[in-house]
PDB file of N, CA and C in Angstrom:
ATOM      1  N   MET A   1     -62.923  74.872 -44.606  1.00  0.00           N
ATOM      2  CA  MET A   1     -62.450  74.264 -45.178  1.00  0.00           C
ATOM      3  C   MET A   1     -61.830  74.879 -46.527  1.00  0.00           C
ATOM      4  N   ALA A   2     -60.349  74.508 -47.008  1.00  0.00           N
ATOM      5  CA  ALA A   2     -59.709  75.009 -48.325  1.00  0.00           C
ATOM      6  C   ALA A   2     -60.468  74.501 -49.237  1.00  0.00           C
ATOM      7  N   THR A   3     -60.296  74.799 -50.136  1.00  0.00           N
ATOM      8  CA  THR A   3     -60.882  74.748 -51.353  1.00  0.00           C
ATOM      9  C   THR A   3     -59.616  73.507 -52.236  1.00  0.00           C
ATOM     10  N   GLN A   4     -59.829  73.125 -53.532  1.00  0.00           N
ATOM     11  CA  GLN A   4     -59.178  71.903 -54.043  1.00  0.00           C
ATOM     12  C   GLN A   4     -58.217  72.488 -54.537  1.00  0.00           C
ATOM     13  N   LYS A   5     -58.187  74.146 -55.171  1.00  0.00           N
ATOM     14  CA  LYS A   5     -57.394  74.812 -55.723  1.00  0.00           C
ATOM     15  C   LYS A   5     -56.199  75.251 -54.474  1.00  0.00           C
ATOM     16  N   GLN A   6     -56.907  75.752 -53.436  1.00  0.00           N
ATOM     17  CA  GLN A   6     -55.938  76.245 -52.559  1.00  0.00           C
ATOM     18  C   GLN A   6     -55.152  74.804 -51.808  1.00  0.00           C
ATOM     19  N   ARG A   7     -55.434  73.902 -51.802  1.00  0.00           N
ATOM     20  CA  ARG A   7     -54.662  72.774 -51.398  1.00  0.00           C
ATOM     21  C   ARG A   7     -53.674  72.536 -52.635  1.00  0.00           C
ATOM     22  N   ARG A   8     -54.163  72.754 -53.679  1.00  0.00           N
ATOM     23  CA  ARG A   8     -52.983  72.226 -54.671  1.00  0.00           C
ATOM     24  C   ARG A   8     -51.821  73.365 -54.549  1.00  0.00           C
ATOM     25  N   ALA A   9     -52.269  74.638 -54.309  1.00  0.00           N
ATOM     26  CA  ALA A   9     -51.368  75.951 -54.383  1.00  0.00           C
ATOM     27  C   ALA A   9     -50.401  75.668 -53.061  1.00  0.00           C
ATOM     28  N   ALA A  10     -51.019  75.209 -51.995  1.00  0.00           N
ATOM     29  CA  ALA A  10     -50.422  74.823 -50.903  1.00  0.00           C
ATOM     30  C   ALA A  10     -49.392  73.675 -50.863  1.00  0.00           C
ATOM     31  N   ARG A  11     -49.755  72.772 -51.704  1.00  0.00           N
ATOM     32  CA  ARG A  11     -48.494  71.399 -51.947  1.00  0.00           C
ATOM     33  C   ARG A  11     -47.405  71.871 -52.734  1.00  0.00           C
ATOM     34  N   ARG A  12     -47.964  72.866 -53.614  1.00  0.00           N
ATOM     35  CA  ARG A  12     -46.709  73.108 -54.583  1.00  0.00           C
ATOM     36  C   ARG A  12     -46.258  74.543 -53.943  1.00  0.00           C
ATOM     37  N   ASN A  13     -46.453  75.130 -52.767  1.00  0.00           N
ATOM     38  CA  ASN A  13     -45.635  76.166 -52.308  1.00  0.00           C
ATOM     39  C   ASN A  13     -44.707  75.327 -51.187  1.00  0.00           C
ATOM     40  N   ILE A  14     -45.067  74.066 -50.490  1.00  0.00           N
ATOM     41  CA  ILE A  14     -44.604  73.369 -49.752  1.00  0.00           C
ATOM     42  C   ILE A  14     -43.260  72.512 -50.571  1.00  0.00           C
ATOM     43  N   LYS A  15     -43.479  72.051 -51.583  1.00  0.00           N
ATOM     44  CA  LYS A  15     -42.475  71.650 -52.568  1.00  0.00           C
ATOM     45  C   LYS A  15     -41.305  72.681 -52.882  1.00  0.00           C
ATOM     46  N   LYS A  16     -41.660  73.827 -53.316  1.00  0.00           N
ATOM     47  CA  LYS A  16     -41.022  74.773 -53.574  1.00  0.00           C
ATOM     48  C   LYS A  16     -40.077  75.012 -52.339  1.00  0.00           C
ATOM     49  N   ALA A  17     -40.516  75.229 -51.146  1.00  0.00           N
ATOM     50  CA  ALA A  17     -39.963  75.464 -49.925  1.00  0.00           C
ATOM     51  C   ALA A  17     -38.847  74.495 -49.615  1.00  0.00           C
ATOM     52  N   ALA A  18     -39.067  73.330 -49.623  1.00  0.00           N
ATOM     53  CA  ALA A  18     -38.743  72.324 -49.151  1.00  0.00           C
ATOM     54  C   ALA A  18     -37.468  72.069 -50.468  1.00  0.00           C
ATOM     55  N   ARG A  19     -37.577  72.510 -51.577  1.00  0.00           N
ATOM     56  CA  ARG A  19     -36.406  72.437 -52.712  1.00  0.00           C
ATOM     57  C   ARG A  19     -35.302  73.656 -52.265  1.00  0.00           C
ATOM     58  N   ALA A  20     -36.011  74.922 -52.056  1.00  0.00           N
ATOM     59  CA  ALA A  20     -34.894  75.886 -51.609  1.00  0.00           C
ATOM     60  C   ALA A  20     -34.351  75.745 -50.197  1.00  0.00           C
ATOM     61  N   ALA A  21     -34.929  74.963 -49.452  1.00  0.00           N
ATOM     62  CA  ALA A  21     -34.310  74.710 -48.083  1.00  0.00           C
ATOM     63  C   ALA A  21     -33.318  73.458 -48.359  1.00  0.00           C
ATOM     64  N   ARG A  22     -33.276  72.591 -48.856  1.00  0.00           N
ATOM     65  CA  ARG A  22     -32.473  71.940 -49.363  1.00  0.00           C
ATOM     66  C   ARG A  22     -31.239  72.481 -50.215  1.00  0.00           C
ATOM     67  N   ARG A  23     -31.650  72.987 -51.066  1.00  0.00           N
ATOM     68  CA  ARG A  23     -30.685  73.908 -51.808  1.00  0.00           C
ATOM     69  C   ARG A  23     -29.710  74.891 -51.049  1.00  0.00           C
ATOM     70  N   LYS A  24     -30.601  75.646 -49.999  1.00  0.00           N
ATOM     71  CA  LYS A  24     -29.293  76.737 -49.001  1.00  0.00           C
ATOM     72  C   LYS A  24     -29.215  76.089 -47.865  1.00  0.00           C
ATOM     73  N   GLN A  25     -29.721  74.728 -47.638  1.00  0.00           N
ATOM     74  CA  GLN A  25     -29.256  73.817 -46.441  1.00  0.00           C
ATOM     75  C   GLN A  25     -29.841  74.900 -44.979  1.00  0.00           C
ATOM     76  N   THR A  26     -30.863  75.448 -44.840  1.00  0.00           N
ATOM     77  CA  THR A  26     -31.643  76.250 -43.959  1.00  0.00           C
ATOM     78  C   THR A  26     -31.684  75.657 -42.891  1.00  0.00           C
ATOM     79  N   LEU A  27     -31.911  74.451 -42.782  1.00  0.00           N
ATOM     80  CA  LEU A  27     -32.616  73.433 -41.549  1.00  0.00           C
ATOM     81  C   LEU A  27     -31.186  73.503 -40.513  1.00  0.00           C
ATOM     82  N   LYS A  28     -29.665  73.199 -41.038  1.00  0.00           N
ATOM     83  CA  LYS A  28     -28.438  73.267 -40.479  1.00  0.00           C
ATOM     84  C   LYS A  28     -28.720  74.663 -39.865  1.00  0.00           C
ATOM     85  N   LYS A  29     -28.858  75.752 -40.230  1.00  0.00           N
ATOM     86  CA  LYS A  29     -28.674  77.087 -39.831  1.00  0.00           C
ATOM     87  C   LYS A  29     -29.783  77.495 -38.604  1.00  0.00           C
ATOM     88  N   LEU A  30     -30.752  76.484 -38.199  1.00  0.00           N
ATOM     89  CA  LEU A  30     -31.976  76.945 -37.497  1.00  0.00           C
ATOM     90  C   LEU A  30     -31.167  76.603 -35.819  1.00  0.00           C
ATOM     91  N   PRO A  31     -31.878  76.979 -34.621  1.00  0.00           N
ATOM     92  CA  PRO A  31     -31.632  76.617 -33.508  1.00  0.00           C
ATOM     93  C   PRO A  31     -31.862  75.114 -33.432  1.00  0.00           C
ATOM     94  N   LYS A  32     -31.574  74.771 -32.245  1.00  0.00           N
ATOM     95  CA  LYS A  32     -31.566  73.264 -32.234  1.00  0.00           C
ATOM     96  C   LYS A  32     -33.168  72.795 -31.893  1.00  0.00           C
ATOM     97  N   LYS A  33     -33.779  73.965 -30.993  1.00  0.00           N
ATOM     98  CA  LYS A  33     -34.865  73.677 -30.479  1.00  0.00           C
ATOM     99  C   LYS A  33     -35.940  73.858 -31.679  1.00  0.00           C
ATOM    100  N   THR A  34     -35.712  74.727 -32.703  1.00  0.00           N
ATOM    101  CA  THR A  34     -36.326  74.695 -33.774  1.00  0.00           C
ATOM    102  C   THR A  34     -36.640  73.281 -34.525  1.00  0.00           C
ATOM    103  N   ARG A  35     -35.359  72.687 -34.693  1.00  0.00           N
ATOM    104  CA  ARG A  35     -34.849  71.312 -35.626  1.00  0.00           C
ATOM    105  C   ARG A  35     -35.357  70.385 -35.061  1.00  0.00           C
ATOM    106  N   ILE A  36     -35.321  70.154 -33.840  1.00  0.00           N
ATOM    107  CA  ILE A  36     -36.205  69.352 -32.811  1.00  0.00           C
ATOM    108  C   ILE A  36     -37.995  69.217 -33.300  1.00  0.00           C
ATOM    109  N   ALA A  37     -38.718  70.428 -33.114  1.00  0.00           N
ATOM    110  CA  ALA A  37     -39.845  70.592 -33.249  1.00  0.00           C
ATOM    111  C   ALA A  37     -40.121  70.369 -34.683  1.00  0.00           C
ATOM    112  N   LEU A  38     -39.546  70.583 -35.543  1.00  0.00           N
ATOM    113  CA  LEU A  38     -39.824  70.283 -37.164  1.00  0.00           C
ATOM    114  C   LEU A  38     -39.445  68.904 -37.185  1.00  0.00           C
ATOM    115  N   GLY A  39     -38.794  67.911 -36.450  1.00  0.00           N
ATOM    116  CA  GLY A  39     -38.821  66.733 -36.351  1.00  0.00           C
ATOM    117  C   GLY A  39     -39.951  66.106 -36.020  1.00  0.00           C
ATOM    118  N   LYS A  40     -40.133  66.274 -34.671  1.00  0.00           N
ATOM    119  CA  LYS A  40     -41.552  65.913 -34.209  1.00  0.00           C
ATOM    120  C   LYS A  40     -42.555  66.023 -35.121  1.00  0.00           C
ATOM    121  N   GLN A  41     -42.856  67.410 -35.472  1.00  0.00           N
ATOM    122  CA  GLN A  41     -44.087  67.524 -36.551  1.00  0.00           C
ATOM    123  C   GLN A  41     -43.817  66.373 -37.615  1.00  0.00           C
ATOM    124  N   ALA A  42     -42.637  66.405 -38.286  1.00  0.00           N
ATOM    125  CA  ALA A  42     -42.772  65.341 -39.452  1.00  0.00           C
ATOM    126  C   ALA A  42     -43.108  64.097 -38.983  1.00  0.00           C
ATOM    127  N   ALA A  43     -42.489  63.675 -37.941  1.00  0.00           N
ATOM    128  CA  ALA A  43     -42.846  62.309 -37.476  1.00  0.00           C
ATOM    129  C   ALA A  43     -44.194  62.139 -37.468  1.00  0.00           C
ATOM    130  N   LYS A  44     -44.972  63.135 -36.731  1.00  0.00           N
ATOM    131  CA  LYS A  44     -46.256  63.234 -36.378  1.00  0.00           C
ATOM    132  C   LYS A  44     -47.084  62.974 -38.095  1.00  0.00           C
ATOM    133  N   VAL A  45     -47.238  63.680 -38.672  1.00  0.00           N
ATOM    134  CA  VAL A  45     -47.591  63.547 -40.253  1.00  0.00           C
ATOM    135  C   VAL A  45     -47.560  62.322 -40.686  1.00  0.00           C
ATOM    136  N   ALA A  46     -45.885  61.614 -40.616  1.00  0.00           N
ATOM    137  CA  ALA A  46     -45.575  60.061 -41.287  1.00  0.00           C
ATOM    138  C   ALA A  46     -46.584  59.188 -40.361  1.00  0.00           C
ATOM    139  N   LYS A  47     -46.527  59.223 -39.176  1.00  0.00           N
ATOM    140  CA  LYS A  47     -47.289  58.124 -38.365  1.00  0.00           C
ATOM    141  C   LYS A  47     -48.888  58.417 -38.743  1.00  0.00           C
ATOM    142  N   ARG A  48     -49.499  59.582 -39.110  1.00  0.00           N
ATOM    143  CA  ARG A  48     -50.695  59.669 -39.685  1.00  0.00           C
ATOM    144  C   ARG A  48     -50.915  59.174 -40.820  1.00  0.00           C
ATOM    145  N   ARG A  49     -49.886  59.643 -41.735  1.00  0.00           N
ATOM    146  CA  ARG A  49     -49.984  58.599 -43.192  1.00  0.00           C
ATOM    147  C   ARG A  49     -50.021  57.298 -43.074  1.00  0.00           C
ATOM    148  N   ARG A  50     -49.329  56.727 -42.486  1.00  0.00           N
ATOM    149  CA  ARG A  50     -49.185  55.484 -42.282  1.00  0.00           C
ATOM    150  C   ARG A  50     -50.332  54.654 -41.904  1.00  0.00           C
ATOM    151  N   ARG A  51     -51.177  55.423 -40.676  1.00  0.00           N
ATOM    152  CA  ARG A  51     -52.167  54.886 -40.067  1.00  0.00           C
ATOM    153  C   ARG A  51     -53.468  54.998 -41.186  1.00  0.00           C
ATOM    154  N   TYR A  52     -53.419  55.867 -42.171  1.00  0.00           N
ATOM    155  CA  TYR A  52     -54.400  55.764 -43.415  1.00  0.00           C
ATOM    156  C   TYR A  52     -54.009  54.964 -44.314  1.00  0.00           C
ATOM    157  N   SER A  53     -52.839  54.963 -44.610  1.00  0.00           N
ATOM    158  CA  SER A  53     -52.667  53.648 -45.633  1.00  0.00           C
ATOM    159  C   SER A  53     -52.971  52.197 -45.199  1.00  0.00           C
ATOM    160  N   ILE A  54     -52.701  51.921 -43.731  1.00  0.00           N
ATOM    161  CA  ILE A  54     -52.760  50.828 -43.265  1.00  0.00           C
ATOM    162  C   ILE A  54     -54.522  50.447 -43.399  1.00  0.00           C
ATOM    163  N   LEU A  55     -55.508  51.206 -42.830  1.00  0.00           N
ATOM    164  CA  LEU A  55     -56.657  51.624 -42.873  1.00  0.00           C
ATOM    165  C   LEU A  55     -57.176  51.148 -44.001  1.00  0.00           C
ATOM    166  N   TYR A  56     -56.802  51.742 -45.247  1.00  0.00           N
ATOM    167  CA  TYR A  56     -57.355  51.915 -46.571  1.00  0.00           C
ATOM    168  C   TYR A  56     -56.844  49.993 -47.144  1.00  0.00           C
ATOM    169  N   LEU A  57     -55.762  49.740 -46.608  1.00  0.00           N
ATOM    170  CA  LEU A  57     -55.134  48.297 -46.618  1.00  0.00           C
ATOM    171  C   LEU A  57     -56.331  47.458 -46.454  1.00  0.00           C
ATOM    172  N   ASN A  58     -56.139  47.583 -44.810  1.00  0.00           N
ATOM    173  CA  ASN A  58     -57.313  46.493 -44.561  1.00  0.00           C
ATOM    174  C   ASN A  58     -58.701  46.827 -45.117  1.00  0.00           C
ATOM    175  N   LEU A  59     -59.264  47.774 -45.298  1.00  0.00           N
ATOM    176  CA  LEU A  59     -60.785  47.763 -45.822  1.00  0.00           C
ATOM    177  C   LEU A  59     -60.739  47.350 -47.080  1.00  0.00           C
ATOM    178  N   SER A  60     -59.730  47.440 -48.085  1.00  0.00           N
ATOM    179  CA  SER A  60     -59.628  46.695 -49.367  1.00  0.00           C
ATOM    180  C   SER A  60     -59.685  45.302 -49.286  1.00  0.00           C
ATOM    181  N   ARG A  61     -59.049  44.967 -48.196  1.00  0.00           N
ATOM    182  CA  ARG A  61     -58.408  43.222 -48.034  1.00  0.00           C
ATOM    183  C   ARG A  61     -59.694  42.665 -47.643  1.00  0.00           C
ATOM    184  N   ALA A  62     -60.603  43.486 -46.825  1.00  0.00           N
ATOM    185  CA  ALA A  62     -61.901  43.043 -46.146  1.00  0.00           C
ATOM    186  C   ALA A  62     -62.838  42.834 -47.349  1.00  0.00           C
ATOM    187  N   ASN A  63     -62.729  43.579 -48.468  1.00  0.00           N
ATOM    188  CA  ASN A  63     -63.914  43.438 -49.476  1.00  0.00           C
ATOM    189  C   ASN A  63     -63.362  42.142 -50.670  1.00  0.00           C
ATOM    190  N   TYR A  64     -62.066  41.830 -50.611  1.00  0.00           N
ATOM    191  CA  TYR A  64     -61.671  40.851 -51.193  1.00  0.00           C
ATOM    192  C   TYR A  64     -61.200  39.495 -50.616  1.00  0.00           C
ATOM    193  N   THR A  65     -61.461  39.436 -49.394  1.00  0.00           N
ATOM    194  CA  THR A  65     -60.867  38.308 -49.277  1.00  0.00           C
ATOM    195  C   THR A  65     -61.851  37.379 -48.577  1.00  0.00           C
ATOM    196  N   GLU A  66     -61.731  36.111 -49.127  1.00  0.00           N
ATOM    197  CA  GLU A  66     -62.826  35.187 -48.321  1.00  0.00           C
ATOM    198  C   GLU A  66     -62.373  33.800 -48.214  1.00  0.00           C
ATOM    199  N   PRO A  67     -62.426  33.225 -46.972  1.00  0.00           N
ATOM    200  CA  PRO A  67     -61.729  32.029 -46.500  1.00  0.00           C
ATOM    201  C   PRO A  67     -62.406  30.648 -47.269  1.00  0.00           C
ATOM    202  N   ILE A  68     -61.464  29.957 -47.479  1.00  0.00           N
ATOM    203  CA  ILE A  68     -61.557  28.537 -48.573  1.00  0.00           C
ATOM    204  C   ILE A  68     -61.408  27.546 -47.803  1.00  0.00           C
ATOM    205  N   GLY A  69     -62.367  26.476 -47.394  1.00  0.00           N
ATOM    206  CA  GLY A  69     -62.238  25.370 -46.702  1.00  0.00           C
ATOM    207  C   GLY A  69     -62.004  25.696 -45.077  1.00  0.00           C
ATOM    208  N   ASN A  70     -61.320  24.566 -44.312  1.00  0.00           N
ATOM    209  CA  ASN A  70     -61.354  24.797 -43.088  1.00  0.00           C
ATOM    210  C   ASN A  70     -60.026  25.817 -42.917  1.00  0.00           C
ATOM    211  N   VAL A  71     -60.927  27.009 -42.407  1.00  0.00           N
ATOM    212  CA  VAL A  71     -59.897  28.267 -41.833  1.00  0.00           C
ATOM    213  C   VAL A  71     -58.910  27.749 -41.169  1.00  0.00           C
ATOM    214  N   GLN A  72     -57.819  27.345 -40.640  1.00  0.00           N
ATOM    215  CA  GLN A  72     -57.096  27.601 -39.480  1.00  0.00           C
ATOM    216  C   GLN A  72     -55.947  28.727 -39.129  1.00  0.00           C
ATOM    217  N   GLY A  73     -55.560  29.546 -40.375  1.00  0.00           N
ATOM    218  CA  GLY A  73     -54.935  30.907 -40.446  1.00  0.00           C
ATOM    219  C   GLY A  73     -54.925  31.353 -41.586  1.00  0.00           C
ATOM    220  N   ASP A  74     -53.963  32.540 -41.647  1.00  0.00           N
ATOM    221  CA  ASP A  74     -53.897  33.432 -42.373  1.00  0.00           C
ATOM    222  C   ASP A  74     -53.376  32.557 -43.819  1.00  0.00           C
ATOM    223  N   SER A  75     -52.923  31.783 -43.939  1.00  0.00           N
ATOM    224  CA  SER A  75     -52.311  31.136 -44.911  1.00  0.00           C
ATOM    225  C   SER A  75     -53.221  30.608 -45.773  1.00  0.00           C
ATOM    226  N   GLU A  76     -54.680  30.070 -45.369  1.00  0.00           N
ATOM    227  CA  GLU A  76     -55.667  29.493 -45.638  1.00  0.00           C
ATOM    228  C   GLU A  76     -56.336  30.806 -46.654  1.00  0.00           C
ATOM    229  N   LEU A  77     -56.143  32.025 -46.533  1.00  0.00           N
ATOM    230  CA  LEU A  77     -56.950  32.809 -46.934  1.00  0.00           C
ATOM    231  C   LEU A  77     -56.550  33.478 -48.407  1.00  0.00           C
ATOM    232  N   GLN A  78     -57.327  33.248 -49.335  1.00  0.00           N
ATOM    233  CA  GLN A  78     -57.187  33.541 -50.608  1.00  0.00           C
ATOM    234  C   GLN A  78     -57.664  34.886 -50.788  1.00  0.00           C
ATOM    235  N   LEU A  79     -56.788  35.749 -52.031  1.00  0.00           N
ATOM    236  CA  LEU A  79     -57.455  37.049 -52.121  1.00  0.00           C
ATOM    237  C   LEU A  79     -57.826  36.963 -53.619  1.00  0.00           C
ATOM    238  N   ARG A  80     -59.504  36.863 -53.457  1.00  0.00           N
ATOM    239  CA  ARG A  80     -59.901  37.109 -54.843  1.00  0.00           C
ATOM    240  C   ARG A  80     -61.308  37.505 -54.417  1.00  0.00           C
ATOM    241  N   PRO A  81     -62.035  37.809 -55.388  1.00  0.00           N
ATOM    242  CA  PRO A  81     -63.255  38.536 -55.256  1.00  0.00           C
ATOM    243  C   PRO A  81     -64.291  37.910 -54.443  1.00  0.00           C
ATOM    244  N   ALA A  82     -65.031  38.417 -53.474  1.00  0.00           N
ATOM    245  CA  ALA A  82     -66.157  37.380 -52.949  1.00  0.00           C
ATOM    246  C   ALA A  82     -67.106  37.285 -53.406  1.00  0.00           C
ATOM    247  N   GLY A  83     -67.654  36.146 -53.371  1.00  0.00           N
ATOM    248  CA  GLY A  83     -68.910  35.682 -54.111  1.00  0.00           C
ATOM    249  C   GLY A  83     -68.351  34.874 -55.583  1.00  0.00           C
ATOM    250  N   LEU A  84     -67.185  34.845 -55.834  1.00  0.00           N
ATOM    251  CA  LEU A  84     -66.823  33.728 -56.904  1.00  0.00           C
ATOM    252  C   LEU A  84     -66.565  32.552 -56.442  1.00  0.00           C
TER     253      LEU A  84
END
């Protein structure tokens, strides 16, 4: 597994490469097959990020959501710390 320093450097390198690609418009010059592959890879990463953000949101809501009175639906759930 990469160290934190390596991950930071990799992120920095990716940002630099993306900036250069935008400036030079490298993606336009690539073959269609390669552009499609890059798009699929980007979609895969975006999907993974969405999944983790939703999971995090659900976990944080589970900790702070408590039903009040007779619960018939989501409208009666209040966001407040449990135990108060």
